[in-house]
C-alpha atoms as a PDB file:
ATOM      1  CA  UNK A   1     170.316 146.764 233.170  1.00  0.00           C
ATOM      2  CA  UNK A   2     173.674 144.632 233.244  1.00  0.00           C
ATOM      3  CA  UNK A   3     176.506 145.645 230.846  1.00  0.00           C
ATOM      4  CA  UNK A   4     179.437 143.082 230.610  1.00  0.00           C
ATOM      5  CA  UNK A   5     182.629 144.402 229.416  1.00  0.00           C
ATOM      6  CA  UNK A   6     185.387 142.114 228.538  1.00  0.00           C
ATOM      7  CA  UNK A   7     188.757 142.219 226.836  1.00  0.00           C
ATOM      8  CA  UNK A   8     192.459 142.293 227.344  1.00  0.00           C
ATOM      9  CA  UNK A   9     194.602 144.798 229.194  1.00  0.00           C
ATOM     10  CA  UNK A  10     194.696 148.316 227.579  1.00  0.00           C
ATOM     11  CA  UNK A  11     192.048 147.613 225.216  1.00  0.00           C
ATOM     12  CA  UNK A  12     189.993 150.542 226.517  1.00  0.00           C
ATOM     13  CA  UNK A  13     187.360 148.455 228.443  1.00  0.00           C
ATOM     14  CA  UNK A  14     187.723 150.165 231.523  1.00  0.00           C
ATOM     15  CA  UNK A  15     187.518 153.708 230.305  1.00  0.00           C
ATOM     16  CA  UNK A  16     184.417 152.923 228.311  1.00  0.00           C
ATOM     17  CA  UNK A  17     182.784 150.926 231.255  1.00  0.00           C
ATOM     18  CA  UNK A  18     183.117 154.012 233.600  1.00  0.00           C
ATOM     19  CA  UNK A  19     181.676 156.467 230.846  1.00  0.00           C
ATOM     20  CA  UNK A  20     178.886 153.971 230.188  1.00  0.00           C
ATOM     21  CA  UNK A  21     177.917 153.870 233.850  1.00  0.00           C
ATOM     22  CA  UNK A  22     178.043 157.670 233.972  1.00  0.00           C
ATOM     23  CA  UNK A  23     175.886 157.979 231.031  1.00  0.00           C
ATOM     24  CA  UNK A  24     173.220 155.471 231.802  1.00  0.00           C
ATOM     25  CA  UNK A  25     173.402 156.272 235.745  1.00  0.00           C
ATOM     26  CA  UNK A  26     174.535 152.563 236.525  1.00  0.00           C
ATOM     27  CA  UNK A  27     177.104 151.038 239.130  1.00  0.00           C
ATOM     28  CA  UNK A  28     180.379 150.475 238.006  1.00  0.00           C
ATOM     29  CA  UNK A  29     182.885 147.553 238.963  1.00  0.00           C
ATOM     30  CA  UNK A  30     186.453 146.963 237.830  1.00  0.00           C
ATOM     31  CA  UNK A  31     186.562 143.395 238.790  1.00  0.00           C
ATOM     32  CA  UNK A  32     190.243 143.313 237.880  1.00  0.00           C
ATOM     33  CA  UNK A  33     190.592 145.616 240.979  1.00  0.00           C
ATOM     34  CA  UNK A  34     189.446 142.580 243.451  1.00  0.00           C
ATOM     35  CA  UNK A  35     192.167 140.485 242.150  1.00  0.00           C
ATOM     36  CA  UNK A  36     194.602 143.431 242.549  1.00  0.00           C
ATOM     37  CA  UNK A  37     193.361 143.670 246.113  1.00  0.00           C
ATOM     38  CA  UNK A  38     194.174 140.055 246.761  1.00  0.00           C
ATOM     39  CA  UNK A  39     197.481 140.700 245.286  1.00  0.00           C
ATOM     40  CA  UNK A  40     198.230 143.744 247.400  1.00  0.00           C
ATOM     41  CA  UNK A  41     196.944 141.922 250.547  1.00  0.00           C
ATOM     42  CA  UNK A  42     199.623 138.997 250.003  1.00  0.00           C
ATOM     43  CA  UNK A  43     202.388 141.379 249.069  1.00  0.00           C
ATOM     44  CA  UNK A  44     201.891 143.403 252.241  1.00  0.00           C
ATOM     45  CA  UNK A  45     201.908 139.999 254.286  1.00  0.00           C
ATOM     46  CA  UNK A  46     205.194 138.906 252.549  1.00  0.00           C
ATOM     47  CA  UNK A  47     203.758 136.401 250.452  1.00  0.00           C
ATOM     48  CA  UNK A  48     203.903 135.643 246.571  1.00  0.00           C
ATOM     49  CA  UNK A  49     201.080 135.341 244.163  1.00  0.00           C
ATOM     50  CA  UNK A  50     201.839 131.517 243.655  1.00  0.00           C
ATOM     51  CA  UNK A  51     200.957 130.922 247.110  1.00  0.00           C
ATOM     52  CA  UNK A  52     197.460 129.475 246.229  1.00  0.00           C
ATOM     53  CA  UNK A  53     196.203 128.617 249.822  1.00  0.00           C
ATOM     54  CA  UNK A  54     196.927 132.318 251.067  1.00  0.00           C
ATOM     55  CA  UNK A  55     195.566 133.536 247.872  1.00  0.00           C
ATOM     56  CA  UNK A  56     192.366 131.858 248.297  1.00  0.00           C
ATOM     57  CA  UNK A  57     191.923 132.837 251.877  1.00  0.00           C
ATOM     58  CA  UNK A  58     192.876 136.650 250.886  1.00  0.00           C
ATOM     59  CA  UNK A  59     190.145 136.397 248.480  1.00  0.00           C
ATOM     60  CA  UNK A  60     187.468 134.978 250.928  1.00  0.00           C
ATOM     61  CA  UNK A  61     188.322 137.503 253.616  1.00  0.00           C
ATOM     62  CA  UNK A  62     188.820 140.473 251.002  1.00  0.00           C
ATOM     63  CA  UNK A  63     189.088 143.968 252.778  1.00  0.00           C
ATOM     64  CA  UNK A  64     187.053 146.191 250.666  1.00  0.00           C
ATOM     65  CA  UNK A  65     189.206 149.006 251.795  1.00  0.00           C
ATOM     66  CA  UNK A  66     191.987 147.988 249.580  1.00  0.00           C
ATOM     67  CA  UNK A  67     189.910 148.835 246.460  1.00  0.00           C
ATOM     68  CA  UNK A  68     190.770 152.294 247.021  1.00  0.00           C
ATOM     69  CA  UNK A  69     194.426 151.890 248.136  1.00  0.00           C
ATOM     70  CA  UNK A  70     196.834 154.076 245.888  1.00  0.00           C
ATOM     71  CA  UNK A  71     199.188 150.937 245.404  1.00  0.00           C
ATOM     72  CA  UNK A  72     196.387 148.925 243.871  1.00  0.00           C
ATOM     73  CA  UNK A  73     197.377 150.237 240.500  1.00  0.00           C
ATOM     74  CA  UNK A  74     201.201 149.656 240.608  1.00  0.00           C
ATOM     75  CA  UNK A  75     202.699 147.236 238.123  1.00  0.00           C
ATOM     76  CA  UNK A  76     203.806 144.885 240.472  1.00  0.00           C
ATOM     77  CA  UNK A  77     200.282 144.436 241.755  1.00  0.00           C
ATOM     78  CA  UNK A  78     198.890 144.217 238.565  1.00  0.00           C
ATOM     79  CA  UNK A  79     201.478 141.471 237.551  1.00  0.00           C
ATOM     80  CA  UNK A  80     200.467 139.491 240.852  1.00  0.00           C
ATOM     81  CA  UNK A  81     196.943 139.889 240.076  1.00  0.00           C
ATOM     82  CA  UNK A  82     197.397 138.060 236.677  1.00  0.00           C
ATOM     83  CA  UNK A  83     198.963 135.213 238.322  1.00  0.00           C
ATOM     84  CA  UNK A  84     196.234 134.969 241.122  1.00  0.00           C
ATOM     85  CA  UNK A  85     193.439 135.412 238.651  1.00  0.00           C
ATOM     86  CA  UNK A  86     194.382 131.822 237.443  1.00  0.00           C
ATOM     87  CA  UNK A  87     193.613 130.380 240.727  1.00  0.00           C
ATOM     88  CA  UNK A  88     190.357 128.804 240.540  1.00  0.00           C
ATOM     89  CA  UNK A  89     189.483 128.816 244.360  1.00  0.00           C
ATOM     90  CA  UNK A  90     190.281 132.557 244.232  1.00  0.00           C
ATOM     91  CA  UNK A  91     187.789 133.069 241.288  1.00  0.00           C
ATOM     92  CA  UNK A  92     185.163 131.233 243.212  1.00  0.00           C
ATOM     93  CA  UNK A  93     185.500 133.171 246.248  1.00  0.00           C
ATOM     94  CA  UNK A  94     185.186 136.461 244.368  1.00  0.00           C
ATOM     95  CA  UNK A  95     182.230 135.178 242.256  1.00  0.00           C
ATOM     96  CA  UNK A  96     179.549 135.840 244.697  1.00  0.00           C
ATOM     97  CA  UNK A  97     180.757 139.303 245.255  1.00  0.00           C
ATOM     98  CA  UNK A  98     180.800 140.311 241.579  1.00  0.00           C
ATOM     99  CA  UNK A  99     177.391 138.766 240.944  1.00  0.00           C
ATOM    100  CA  UNK A 100     175.749 140.497 243.995  1.00  0.00           C
ATOM    101  CA  UNK A 101     177.140 143.524 242.907  1.00  0.00           C
ATOM    102  CA  UNK A 102     175.633 143.049 239.261  1.00  0.00           C
ATOM    103  CA  UNK A 103     172.127 141.953 240.492  1.00  0.00           C
ATOM    104  CA  UNK A 104     171.904 144.237 243.595  1.00  0.00           C
ATOM    105  CA  UNK A 105     173.641 147.371 242.569  1.00  0.00           C
ATOM    106  CA  UNK A 106     174.762 149.835 245.421  1.00  0.00           C
ATOM    107  CA  UNK A 107     173.346 153.390 245.930  1.00  0.00           C
ATOM    108  CA  UNK A 108     169.935 152.230 244.559  1.00  0.00           C
ATOM    109  CA  UNK A 109     171.310 152.061 241.013  1.00  0.00           C
ATOM    110  CA  UNK A 110     168.981 150.587 238.156  1.00  0.00           C
ATOM    111  CA  UNK A 111     171.736 148.472 236.814  1.00  0.00           C
ATOM    112  CA  UNK A 112     175.594 147.854 236.676  1.00  0.00           C
ATOM    113  CA  UNK A 113     178.594 147.792 234.642  1.00  0.00           C
ATOM    114  CA  UNK A 114     181.152 145.328 235.315  1.00  0.00           C
ATOM    115  CA  UNK A 115     184.601 144.936 233.230  1.00  0.00           C
ATOM    116  CA  UNK A 116     187.214 142.045 233.405  1.00  0.00           C
ATOM    117  CA  UNK A 117     187.891 138.893 231.459  1.00  0.00           C
ATOM    118  CA  UNK A 118     185.036 136.575 232.109  1.00  0.00           C
ATOM    119  CA  UNK A 119     181.869 138.730 232.972  1.00  0.00           C
ATOM    120  CA  UNK A 120     179.844 137.815 230.031  1.00  0.00           C
ATOM    121  CA  UNK A 121     180.816 134.082 229.927  1.00  0.00           C
ATOM    122  CA  UNK A 122     181.000 133.282 233.822  1.00  0.00           C
ATOM    123  CA  UNK A 123     180.087 136.164 236.037  1.00  0.00           C
ATOM    124  CA  UNK A 124     176.981 137.573 234.330  1.00  0.00           C
ATOM    125  CA  UNK A 125     176.240 135.111 231.458  1.00  0.00           C
ATOM    126  CA  UNK A 126     172.626 136.760 231.702  1.00  0.00           C
ATOM    127  CA  UNK A 127     174.075 140.277 230.986  1.00  0.00           C
ATOM    128  CA  UNK A 128     171.597 142.343 228.884  1.00  0.00           C
ATOM    129  CA  UNK A 129     174.524 143.794 226.770  1.00  0.00           C
ATOM    130  CA  UNK A 130     178.021 141.981 226.254  1.00  0.00           C
ATOM    131  CA  UNK A 131     180.822 144.102 224.783  1.00  0.00           C
ATOM    132  CA  UNK A 132     184.198 142.377 224.056  1.00  0.00           C
ATOM    133  CA  UNK A 133     186.708 145.257 223.502  1.00  0.00           C
ATOM    134  CA  UNK A 134     189.818 144.640 221.717  1.00  0.00           C
ATOM    135  CA  UNK A 135     192.825 146.473 220.057  1.00  0.00           C
ATOM    136  CA  UNK A 136     195.931 145.444 218.449  1.00  0.00           C
ATOM    137  CA  UNK A 137     198.969 144.539 220.208  1.00  0.00           C
ATOM    138  CA  UNK A 138     201.078 147.615 219.412  1.00  0.00           C
ATOM    139  CA  UNK A 139     198.220 149.939 219.847  1.00  0.00           C
ATOM    140  CA  UNK A 140     197.565 148.284 223.478  1.00  0.00           C
ATOM    141  CA  UNK A 141     201.289 148.475 224.192  1.00  0.00           C
ATOM    142  CA  UNK A 142     201.620 152.189 223.370  1.00  0.00           C
ATOM    143  CA  UNK A 143     198.582 152.963 225.240  1.00  0.00           C
ATOM    144  CA  UNK A 144     199.958 151.346 228.441  1.00  0.00           C
ATOM    145  CA  UNK A 145     203.230 152.769 227.885  1.00  0.00           C
ATOM    146  CA  UNK A 146     201.650 156.453 227.901  1.00  0.00           C
ATOM    147  CA  UNK A 147     199.837 155.605 231.059  1.00  0.00           C
ATOM    148  CA  UNK A 148     202.954 154.597 232.752  1.00  0.00           C
ATOM    149  CA  UNK A 149     205.272 157.279 231.629  1.00  0.00           C
ATOM    150  CA  UNK A 150     202.340 159.621 232.790  1.00  0.00           C
ATOM    151  CA  UNK A 151     202.732 158.156 236.354  1.00  0.00           C
ATOM    152  CA  UNK A 152     206.567 158.578 236.140  1.00  0.00           C
ATOM    153  CA  UNK A 153     207.336 154.855 235.834  1.00  0.00           C
ATOM    154  CA  UNK A 154     210.567 154.304 233.930  1.00  0.00           C
ATOM    155  CA  UNK A 155     209.950 151.610 231.168  1.00  0.00           C
ATOM    156  CA  UNK A 156     209.973 151.163 227.483  1.00  0.00           C
ATOM    157  CA  UNK A 157     207.860 149.840 224.710  1.00  0.00           C
ATOM    158  CA  UNK A 158     209.392 146.648 224.302  1.00  0.00           C
ATOM    159  CA  UNK A 159     209.098 145.734 228.084  1.00  0.00           C
ATOM    160  CA  UNK A 160     205.497 146.599 228.244  1.00  0.00           C
ATOM    161  CA  UNK A 161     204.519 144.775 225.037  1.00  0.00           C
ATOM    162  CA  UNK A 162     206.189 141.702 226.385  1.00  0.00           C
ATOM    163  CA  UNK A 163     204.220 142.083 229.698  1.00  0.00           C
ATOM    164  CA  UNK A 164     200.973 142.474 227.975  1.00  0.00           C
ATOM    165  CA  UNK A 165     201.575 139.676 225.798  1.00  0.00           C
ATOM    166  CA  UNK A 166     202.477 137.400 228.986  1.00  0.00           C
ATOM    167  CA  UNK A 167     199.391 138.492 230.559  1.00  0.00           C
ATOM    168  CA  UNK A 168     197.175 137.617 227.418  1.00  0.00           C
ATOM    169  CA  UNK A 169     198.938 134.205 227.355  1.00  0.00           C
ATOM    170  CA  UNK A 170     198.077 133.462 231.051  1.00  0.00           C
ATOM    171  CA  UNK A 171     194.505 134.982 230.922  1.00  0.00           C
ATOM    172  CA  UNK A 172     193.566 133.080 227.662  1.00  0.00           C
ATOM    173  CA  UNK A 173     195.127 129.549 228.632  1.00  0.00           C
ATOM    174  CA  UNK A 174     194.213 129.360 231.997  1.00  0.00           C
ATOM    175  CA  UNK A 175     191.788 126.317 232.848  1.00  0.00           C
ATOM    176  CA  UNK A 176     189.226 128.281 234.825  1.00  0.00           C
ATOM    177  CA  UNK A 177     187.312 131.144 233.250  1.00  0.00           C
ATOM    178  CA  UNK A 178     189.576 131.892 230.355  1.00  0.00           C
ATOM    179  CA  UNK A 179     189.778 135.344 228.608  1.00  0.00           C
ATOM    180  CA  UNK A 180     187.321 135.066 225.438  1.00  0.00           C
ATOM    181  CA  UNK A 181     184.381 136.563 224.124  1.00  0.00           C
ATOM    182  CA  UNK A 182     180.979 135.390 224.909  1.00  0.00           C
ATOM    183  CA  UNK A 183     179.209 133.738 222.025  1.00  0.00           C
ATOM    184  CA  UNK A 184     176.684 136.642 222.085  1.00  0.00           C
ATOM    185  CA  UNK A 185     179.003 139.305 222.678  1.00  0.00           C
ATOM    186  CA  UNK A 186     179.303 142.521 220.190  1.00  0.00           C
ATOM    187  CA  UNK A 187     183.029 142.699 219.290  1.00  0.00           C
ATOM    188  CA  UNK A 188     184.385 146.408 219.534  1.00  0.00           C
ATOM    189  CA  UNK A 189     187.813 147.019 218.008  1.00  0.00           C
ATOM    190  CA  UNK A 190     189.236 150.141 219.394  1.00  0.00           C
ATOM    191  CA  UNK A 191     192.509 150.000 217.406  1.00  0.00           C
ATOM    192  CA  UNK A 192     191.477 152.948 214.971  1.00  0.00           C
ATOM    193  CA  UNK A 193     189.391 154.615 217.267  1.00  0.00           C
ATOM    194  CA  UNK A 194     189.794 157.420 219.833  1.00  0.00           C
ATOM    195  CA  UNK A 195     188.025 157.250 223.137  1.00  0.00           C
ATOM    196  CA  UNK A 196     185.029 159.356 222.168  1.00  0.00           C
ATOM    197  CA  UNK A 197     184.758 157.353 218.952  1.00  0.00           C
ATOM    198  CA  UNK A 198     184.663 154.128 220.805  1.00  0.00           C
ATOM    199  CA  UNK A 199     182.379 155.459 223.569  1.00  0.00           C
ATOM    200  CA  UNK A 200     179.715 156.607 220.631  1.00  0.00           C
ATOM    201  CA  UNK A 201     179.895 153.208 219.285  1.00  0.00           C
ATOM    202  CA  UNK A 202     179.423 151.529 222.601  1.00  0.00           C
ATOM    203  CA  UNK A 203     176.337 153.844 223.441  1.00  0.00           C
ATOM    204  CA  UNK A 204     174.866 152.729 220.066  1.00  0.00           C
ATOM    205  CA  UNK A 205     175.138 149.350 220.986  1.00  0.00           C
ATOM    206  CA  UNK A 206     173.373 149.898 224.336  1.00  0.00           C
ATOM    207  CA  UNK A 207     170.775 152.045 222.818  1.00  0.00           C
ATOM    208  CA  UNK A 208     170.027 149.231 220.321  1.00  0.00           C
ATOM    209  CA  UNK A 209     169.238 146.828 223.139  1.00  0.00           C
ATOM    210  CA  UNK A 210     167.093 149.346 224.942  1.00  0.00           C
ATOM    211  CA  UNK A 211     165.100 149.820 221.870  1.00  0.00           C
ATOM    212  CA  UNK A 212     164.715 146.055 221.164  1.00  0.00           C
END
């Protein structure tokens, strides 16, 4: 079973993806971490995310150890990842890794959950279950603000909202694999839902597929 989770930042898809993987005993891959790892590689080599050739090379020779690096979740690396993700060569270089993970899950798992921006449309168009997770801009900004404040990051609501909207713009307007729901994706709006309610709804969607 392959579950594709797509949606914008702070919509809740990552948390839902991890919980679904645990419940159904599936492998889990946060594909955004791959682009963050490329960004972190460039940052430590002293290069910017706009250096297309170096970003493509970093994606092709990606060090998987970076996926567990604490700095991967920093806001600076996240910003770099959003820019890097618009590079079509980077996306092509990471595509095989993602598809191999989905179709040959590690640890003998019977399937996989992948979350990102183009899982249901590009990476795994053959996914058995496709979810597009969304939430209103203000709710996503408040969620991200609380995450950052919990990490001790000094910021404010307006700054976080502006950053989210800019990422949305880049992700949805890029020429290669833009952020959008797959035609056969089930839309899950988490604006008015807490995590447990959203998870219950997601489980119902998966269970419905299993019964079909």
